[in-house]
Amino acid sequence: MNNACVIYGARDIRLEAWASPALGDNSVKVRVRAGGICGSDLHYFFEGRNGDFVIKEPLIPGHEFAGEVEAVGPRVTKVKPGDRVAVNPSSPCGRCRYCRQGRENLCRRMVFLGSASKFPHIQGGFREIFVVEEANALPVSRDLPFTTAAFAEPLSVALHAVARAGNLFGKNVLITGAGPIGQLVLLCVKRAGAARMVMTDVVDQPLATSAKLGIDAAINVAKRPGDLKDFAASLDGFDTVFECAGNVHALRSAFEAAGPGAVVVQVGILPSGDVPILSNVAMGRELDWRSTFRFCDEFSQAVDLLDRGAIDVAPLLTAAIPAAEAARAFDLAKDRTQSLKVQITF
């Protein structure tokens, strides 16, 4: 048995004993050390659901985590006890047409940790001991903090979004939404050689972080909506826009700020139901509106970038809170005036 953070319903999370999965021939037993709270985890905790995925049985959340290898199956060759690993939470089938096309993120038989999308639910990583297949446990250096390694999954999401946008070298880029994903997209866009980068939000605190990360302009559109229009006009519109807020107002501003022939990448999850789109603006400017969903092989790239220190995520980590105080961690993670990324530790 091992302790796990288990959600029973809205605002009902308990630290309780949970059975440890058996160790198979090709599997790895990981002692979890740090796990990041994602937006989907927040929905499960505060609402008892994430969009259409409703909690129907106790659910262990968490899909951004890292830890230390405690034991390995007899056929495991790539990691050994004592190694530090970042855990890839996605397990595509590898056989369907999407997997064969190299688009494993679209696999209809995908098993993704910490999700109520299936029943029985797919239990996640907010627990002391977790067992994964060898392919899902990517080794990192002994001196890489667990809290840094736990950023591999959200960084993968940002890398995939940037890949969907195409070449960014010399481009003028707008990012709407300064949450953790927006900040990671900023770091990836900067690395891709963008010429100018602007970030918008309606809260000052995360924008202050983006300013420290080297953004050219951080604009609070709730207080200064005209600043974005002025900046966009000075460029004749942005070449690429990443909508990371998951907000219909942000999406509208993304279309309005995009220049002729621009690419708009939808990263944030929009509310369910009908969403108004400036279709005539998109047509008249011949915009490409692209979606992005999770990641493919970017996970190994994310691990490499973090391990080499090529991307510094330290400014994004607000707090690492013990699992016994999970409810407090979730409350802090929801408060955008106080936090960016909050992690739970074991």
Protein backbone atom coordinates (compact mmCIF):
# COMPACT_ATOMS: atom_id res chain seq x y z
CA MET A 1 0.00 0.00 0.00
CA ASN A 2 1.06 3.60 -0.53
CA ASN A 3 -0.43 7.02 0.13
CA ALA A 4 -2.31 8.67 -2.73
CA CYS A 5 -4.24 11.91 -3.26
CA VAL A 6 -7.73 10.75 -4.23
CA ILE A 7 -10.57 12.97 -5.48
CA TYR A 8 -14.07 11.75 -4.61
CA GLY A 9 -15.95 14.78 -5.89
CA ALA A 10 -15.90 18.56 -5.97
CA ARG A 11 -13.48 19.87 -3.30
CA ASP A 12 -13.23 16.40 -1.78
CA ILE A 13 -9.64 15.17 -1.89
CA ARG A 14 -8.26 12.67 0.59
CA LEU A 15 -4.82 11.27 1.33
CA GLU A 16 -5.37 7.55 1.75
CA ALA A 17 -3.73 4.17 1.29
CA TRP A 18 -3.89 2.82 -2.25
CA ALA A 19 -2.78 -0.54 -3.57
CA SER A 20 0.49 -0.56 -5.50
CA PRO A 21 0.28 -2.04 -9.02
CA ALA A 22 2.24 -5.24 -9.61
CA LEU A 23 5.68 -4.95 -11.22
CA GLY A 24 5.69 -6.61 -14.64
CA ASP A 25 8.57 -7.90 -16.75
CA ASN A 26 8.87 -4.64 -18.71
CA SER A 27 7.74 -2.20 -16.06
CA VAL A 28 9.37 0.21 -13.63
CA LYS A 29 8.36 1.01 -10.06
CA VAL A 30 8.78 4.74 -9.46
CA ARG A 31 8.77 6.49 -6.11
CA VAL A 32 7.06 9.73 -7.05
CA ARG A 33 8.78 12.86 -5.74
CA ALA A 34 7.04 15.78 -7.47
CA GLY A 35 3.92 16.26 -9.59
CA GLY A 36 2.54 19.42 -11.15
CA ILE A 37 -1.11 20.47 -10.84
CA CYS A 38 -2.56 20.97 -14.31
CA GLY A 39 -5.71 22.81 -15.40
CA SER A 40 -7.55 19.51 -15.84
CA ASP A 41 -6.62 18.53 -12.27
CA LEU A 42 -8.10 21.83 -11.06
CA HIS A 43 -11.37 21.11 -12.86
CA TYR A 44 -11.59 17.64 -11.29
CA PHE A 45 -10.94 19.06 -7.82
CA PHE A 46 -13.17 22.13 -7.92
CA GLU A 47 -15.99 20.79 -10.13
CA GLY A 48 -15.79 17.01 -9.93
CA ARG A 49 -15.43 16.93 -13.69
CA ASN A 50 -13.24 18.12 -16.55
CA GLY A 51 -15.56 19.19 -19.32
CA ASP A 52 -17.54 16.09 -20.32
CA PHE A 53 -15.38 13.79 -18.17
CA VAL A 54 -17.22 13.31 -14.88
CA ILE A 55 -15.74 11.57 -11.83
CA LYS A 56 -17.76 8.38 -11.36
CA GLU A 57 -15.39 6.66 -8.97
CA PRO A 58 -12.48 7.83 -6.76
CA LEU A 59 -9.81 9.33 -9.03
CA ILE A 60 -6.10 9.86 -8.43
CA PRO A 61 -5.23 12.93 -10.53
CA GLY A 62 -1.82 13.92 -11.84
CA HIS A 63 -0.02 13.47 -15.15
CA GLU A 64 3.00 15.78 -14.72
CA PHE A 65 5.36 13.91 -12.44
CA ALA A 66 8.86 12.68 -11.82
CA GLY A 67 10.51 10.41 -9.32
CA GLU A 68 13.15 7.84 -8.49
CA VAL A 69 13.28 4.27 -9.77
CA GLU A 70 12.77 1.85 -6.89
CA ALA A 71 12.66 -1.45 -8.77
CA VAL A 72 12.58 -2.75 -12.35
CA GLY A 73 11.21 -5.80 -14.10
CA PRO A 74 13.60 -8.50 -15.38
CA ARG A 75 13.44 -7.29 -19.00
CA VAL A 76 14.08 -3.62 -18.27
CA THR A 77 17.42 -2.38 -19.64
CA LYS A 78 17.22 1.43 -19.92
CA VAL A 79 16.83 2.38 -16.27
CA LYS A 80 17.92 0.91 -12.95
CA PRO A 81 17.10 1.42 -9.26
CA GLY A 82 18.27 4.82 -8.08
CA ASP A 83 17.81 6.55 -11.45
CA ARG A 84 15.76 9.71 -11.64
CA VAL A 85 13.02 9.66 -14.28
CA ALA A 86 10.39 11.89 -15.84
CA VAL A 87 7.20 9.94 -16.53
CA ASN A 88 5.42 10.21 -19.87
CA PRO A 89 1.70 9.91 -19.01
CA SER A 90 0.54 8.89 -22.50
CA SER A 91 0.38 5.34 -23.82
CA PRO A 92 -0.92 5.17 -27.41
CA CYS A 93 -1.79 1.81 -28.93
CA GLY A 94 0.94 2.03 -31.59
CA ARG A 95 -1.19 0.15 -34.13
CA CYS A 96 -4.03 2.42 -35.28
CA ARG A 97 -3.78 4.59 -38.38
CA TYR A 98 -3.04 7.70 -36.33
CA CYS A 99 -0.15 6.01 -34.55
CA ARG A 100 1.16 4.70 -37.87
CA GLN A 101 1.04 8.25 -39.25
CA GLY A 102 3.19 9.50 -36.37
CA ARG A 103 0.26 11.30 -34.73
CA GLU A 104 0.08 9.21 -31.58
CA ASN A 105 -1.60 12.05 -29.69
CA LEU A 106 -4.74 11.37 -31.75
CA CYS A 107 -4.84 7.66 -30.89
CA ARG A 108 -8.42 6.65 -30.12
CA ARG A 109 -7.18 3.94 -27.75
CA MET A 110 -4.90 6.29 -25.86
CA VAL A 111 -4.41 5.64 -22.15
CA PHE A 112 -3.63 8.97 -20.47
CA LEU A 113 -2.93 9.06 -16.75
CA GLY A 114 -5.12 10.88 -14.25
CA SER A 115 -8.22 11.00 -16.43
CA ALA A 116 -11.92 10.27 -15.99
CA SER A 117 -12.35 10.01 -19.77
CA LYS A 118 -12.76 6.24 -19.44
CA PHE A 119 -14.46 4.00 -16.90
CA PRO A 120 -12.90 2.53 -14.89
CA HIS A 121 -10.91 5.74 -14.63
CA ILE A 122 -7.24 5.94 -15.56
CA GLN A 123 -5.54 6.59 -12.24
CA GLY A 124 -2.79 9.19 -12.14
CA GLY A 125 0.51 9.91 -10.48
CA PHE A 126 -0.30 11.81 -7.30
CA ARG A 127 0.79 8.89 -5.12
CA GLU A 128 3.94 7.66 -3.46
CA ILE A 129 4.50 4.62 -5.66
CA PHE A 130 3.60 4.27 -9.33
CA VAL A 131 4.35 1.52 -11.86
CA VAL A 132 4.85 2.39 -15.54
CA GLU A 133 6.16 0.66 -18.62
CA GLU A 134 9.86 1.12 -19.30
CA ALA A 135 9.12 3.23 -22.40
CA ASN A 136 7.29 5.77 -20.21
CA ALA A 137 10.13 6.30 -17.73
CA LEU A 138 12.75 8.59 -19.27
CA PRO A 139 15.99 8.90 -17.27
CA VAL A 140 17.37 12.31 -16.30
CA SER A 141 20.60 13.39 -14.64
CA ARG A 142 21.12 12.75 -10.93
CA ASP A 143 21.49 16.48 -10.30
CA LEU A 144 18.29 17.51 -12.07
CA PRO A 145 15.72 18.48 -9.41
CA PHE A 146 12.55 16.38 -9.40
CA THR A 147 10.56 19.61 -9.51
CA THR A 148 12.26 20.49 -12.81
CA ALA A 149 11.85 17.02 -14.30
CA ALA A 150 8.12 17.21 -13.54
CA PHE A 151 7.85 20.04 -16.10
CA ALA A 152 8.54 17.60 -18.95
CA GLU A 153 4.86 16.98 -19.70
CA PRO A 154 3.64 20.61 -19.88
CA LEU A 155 6.81 21.57 -21.77
CA SER A 156 5.94 18.81 -24.28
CA VAL A 157 2.55 20.44 -24.80
CA ALA A 158 4.24 23.78 -25.51
CA LEU A 159 6.77 22.21 -27.88
CA HIS A 160 4.00 20.49 -29.82
CA ALA A 161 2.05 23.75 -30.09
CA VAL A 162 5.12 25.53 -31.45
CA ALA A 163 5.72 22.70 -33.92
CA ARG A 164 2.13 23.08 -35.14
CA ALA A 165 2.81 26.76 -35.85
CA GLY A 166 5.66 26.12 -38.26
CA ASN A 167 8.80 28.19 -38.67
CA LEU A 168 8.93 31.06 -36.16
CA PHE A 169 12.37 32.45 -36.99
CA GLY A 170 12.13 36.20 -37.41
CA LYS A 171 8.36 36.21 -36.83
CA ASN A 172 6.31 38.56 -34.69
CA VAL A 173 4.42 36.45 -32.16
CA LEU A 174 1.48 37.11 -29.84
CA ILE A 175 0.63 34.81 -26.93
CA THR A 176 -2.75 35.29 -25.25
CA GLY A 177 -2.86 33.86 -21.73
CA ALA A 178 0.08 34.04 -19.31
CA GLY A 179 -0.60 30.84 -17.39
CA PRO A 180 1.94 28.01 -17.12
CA ILE A 181 1.35 26.79 -20.69
CA GLY A 182 1.49 30.30 -22.08
CA GLN A 183 4.78 30.91 -20.28
CA LEU A 184 6.22 27.63 -21.59
CA VAL A 185 5.09 28.51 -25.09
CA LEU A 186 6.91 31.82 -24.63
CA LEU A 187 10.13 30.02 -23.71
CA CYS A 188 9.81 27.74 -26.76
CA VAL A 189 8.97 30.64 -29.09
CA LYS A 190 11.99 32.55 -27.82
CA ARG A 191 14.19 29.52 -28.46
CA ALA A 192 12.74 29.21 -31.98
CA GLY A 193 14.10 32.63 -32.89
CA ALA A 194 11.03 34.87 -32.95
CA ALA A 195 11.76 38.54 -33.62
CA ARG A 196 9.17 40.13 -31.32
CA MET A 197 7.04 38.53 -28.64
CA VAL A 198 4.00 40.00 -26.92
CA MET A 199 1.94 38.39 -24.17
CA THR A 200 -1.52 39.38 -22.94
CA ASP A 201 -3.57 38.49 -19.90
CA VAL A 202 -6.08 40.08 -17.52
CA VAL A 203 -3.97 39.54 -14.38
CA ASP A 204 -0.80 41.51 -13.64
CA GLN A 205 1.11 38.91 -11.63
CA PRO A 206 1.75 36.30 -14.38
CA LEU A 207 2.51 39.08 -16.84
CA ALA A 208 5.27 40.24 -14.49
CA THR A 209 6.85 36.79 -14.84
CA SER A 210 6.69 36.94 -18.63
CA ALA A 211 8.41 40.32 -18.50
CA LYS A 212 11.31 38.70 -16.64
CA LEU A 213 11.50 35.97 -19.29
CA GLY A 214 12.30 38.49 -22.01
CA ILE A 215 8.95 39.37 -23.57
CA ASP A 216 8.93 42.57 -25.64
CA ALA A 217 5.59 43.68 -24.22
CA ALA A 218 3.36 42.30 -21.45
CA ILE A 219 -0.11 43.79 -21.79
CA ASN A 220 -2.99 43.62 -19.34
CA VAL A 221 -5.85 43.82 -21.84
CA ALA A 222 -8.40 44.34 -19.05
CA LYS A 223 -6.67 47.58 -18.07
CA ARG A 224 -5.11 48.67 -21.39
CA PRO A 225 -7.01 47.08 -24.31
CA GLY A 226 -5.79 49.72 -26.72
CA ASP A 227 -2.13 48.76 -26.22
CA LEU A 228 -2.56 45.45 -28.05
CA LYS A 229 -4.33 47.11 -30.97
CA ASP A 230 -1.57 49.72 -31.21
CA PHE A 231 1.18 47.10 -31.11
CA ALA A 232 -0.56 44.96 -33.73
CA ALA A 233 -1.10 47.98 -35.98
CA SER A 234 2.58 48.91 -35.76
CA LEU A 235 3.45 45.46 -37.18
CA ASP A 236 0.56 45.26 -39.66
CA GLY A 237 -0.60 42.35 -37.53
CA PHE A 238 1.24 39.47 -35.88
CA ASP A 239 2.65 36.64 -37.99
CA THR A 240 1.76 33.95 -35.46
CA VAL A 241 -0.64 33.90 -32.52
CA PHE A 242 -0.87 31.29 -29.77
CA GLU A 243 -4.21 31.39 -27.94
CA CYS A 244 -3.36 29.88 -24.55
CA ALA A 245 -6.11 31.40 -22.40
CA GLY A 246 -8.96 29.11 -23.46
CA ASN A 247 -11.20 32.17 -23.45
CA VAL A 248 -13.55 33.35 -26.20
CA HIS A 249 -12.57 36.99 -25.65
CA ALA A 250 -8.90 36.08 -26.01
CA LEU A 251 -9.71 34.14 -29.18
CA ARG A 252 -11.44 37.18 -30.64
CA SER A 253 -8.45 39.38 -29.84
CA ALA A 254 -6.17 36.74 -31.40
CA PHE A 255 -8.04 36.93 -34.71
CA GLU A 256 -8.16 40.73 -34.59
CA ALA A 257 -4.42 41.01 -33.92
CA ALA A 258 -3.36 38.47 -36.56
CA GLY A 259 -1.97 39.91 -39.78
CA PRO A 260 -2.70 38.77 -43.34
CA GLY A 261 -1.61 35.16 -43.88
CA ALA A 262 -0.97 34.62 -40.16
CA VAL A 263 -1.21 31.36 -38.27
CA VAL A 264 -3.41 31.21 -35.16
CA VAL A 265 -2.75 28.18 -32.94
CA GLN A 266 -5.48 27.22 -30.46
CA VAL A 267 -3.71 25.88 -27.37
CA GLY A 268 -6.18 26.66 -24.58
CA ILE A 269 -9.30 24.54 -24.15
CA LEU A 270 -12.37 26.66 -24.92
CA PRO A 271 -15.64 26.30 -22.99
CA SER A 272 -18.03 23.62 -24.19
CA GLY A 273 -20.85 24.70 -26.49
CA ASP A 274 -20.90 27.08 -29.43
CA VAL A 275 -17.97 29.48 -29.72
CA PRO A 276 -18.25 32.62 -31.88
CA ILE A 277 -15.46 32.97 -34.43
CA LEU A 278 -14.57 36.00 -36.56
CA SER A 279 -14.87 33.91 -39.71
CA ASN A 280 -14.97 36.89 -42.08
CA VAL A 281 -11.77 38.24 -40.56
CA ALA A 282 -10.16 34.82 -40.97
CA MET A 283 -11.32 34.62 -44.59
CA GLY A 284 -10.40 38.18 -45.53
CA ARG A 285 -6.89 37.79 -44.12
CA GLU A 286 -6.53 34.15 -45.20
CA LEU A 287 -5.67 33.07 -41.67
CA ASP A 288 -4.73 29.51 -40.75
CA TRP A 289 -6.50 28.52 -37.52
CA ARG A 290 -4.82 25.40 -36.20
CA SER A 291 -5.52 23.30 -33.15
CA THR A 292 -3.00 21.49 -30.99
CA PHE A 293 -3.62 18.55 -28.66
CA ARG A 294 -1.18 17.17 -26.10
CA PHE A 295 2.07 16.00 -27.76
CA CYS A 296 3.76 13.24 -29.77
CA ASP A 297 7.48 12.57 -29.62
CA GLU A 298 8.09 15.98 -28.01
CA PHE A 299 8.27 14.39 -24.57
CA SER A 300 11.80 13.07 -25.12
CA GLN A 301 12.79 16.46 -26.53
CA ALA A 302 11.38 18.18 -23.44
CA VAL A 303 13.34 15.87 -21.14
CA ASP A 304 16.54 16.60 -23.06
CA LEU A 305 16.01 20.37 -22.97
CA LEU A 306 15.35 20.35 -19.23
CA ASP A 307 18.25 18.00 -18.52
CA ARG A 308 20.70 20.21 -20.44
CA GLY A 309 19.35 23.40 -18.94
CA ALA A 310 18.48 24.66 -22.44
CA ILE A 311 15.11 25.83 -21.11
CA ASP A 312 14.92 27.23 -17.58
CA VAL A 313 11.53 26.58 -15.97
CA ALA A 314 12.57 27.60 -12.45
CA PRO A 315 10.84 31.03 -12.66
CA LEU A 316 7.52 29.27 -13.27
CA LEU A 317 7.51 27.14 -10.11
CA THR A 318 5.58 28.93 -7.39
CA ALA A 319 5.52 26.27 -4.69
CA ALA A 320 6.08 22.58 -3.97
CA ILE A 321 3.62 21.46 -1.28
CA PRO A 322 3.53 18.11 0.59
CA ALA A 323 0.76 15.70 -0.39
CA ALA A 324 -0.72 15.91 3.10
CA GLU A 325 -1.68 19.51 2.23
CA ALA A 326 -3.07 18.72 -1.23
CA ALA A 327 -6.23 20.81 -0.76
CA ARG A 328 -4.12 23.87 0.03
CA ALA A 329 -1.99 23.16 -3.04
CA PHE A 330 -5.07 23.11 -5.26
CA ASP A 331 -6.40 26.33 -3.75
CA LEU A 332 -3.08 28.04 -4.37
CA ALA A 333 -2.85 26.69 -7.92
CA LYS A 334 -6.24 28.19 -8.77
CA ASP A 335 -5.30 31.66 -7.51
CA ARG A 336 -3.62 33.28 -10.51
CA THR A 337 -2.69 36.35 -8.49
CA GLN A 338 -0.40 34.19 -6.35
CA SER A 339 0.77 31.29 -8.45
CA LEU A 340 1.85 29.89 -11.79
CA LYS A 341 2.84 26.25 -11.38
CA VAL A 342 2.19 24.50 -8.08
CA GLN A 343 3.50 20.99 -7.47
CA ILE A 344 2.66 18.30 -4.95
CA THR A 345 5.58 16.44 -3.37
CA PHE A 346 5.94 13.04 -1.70
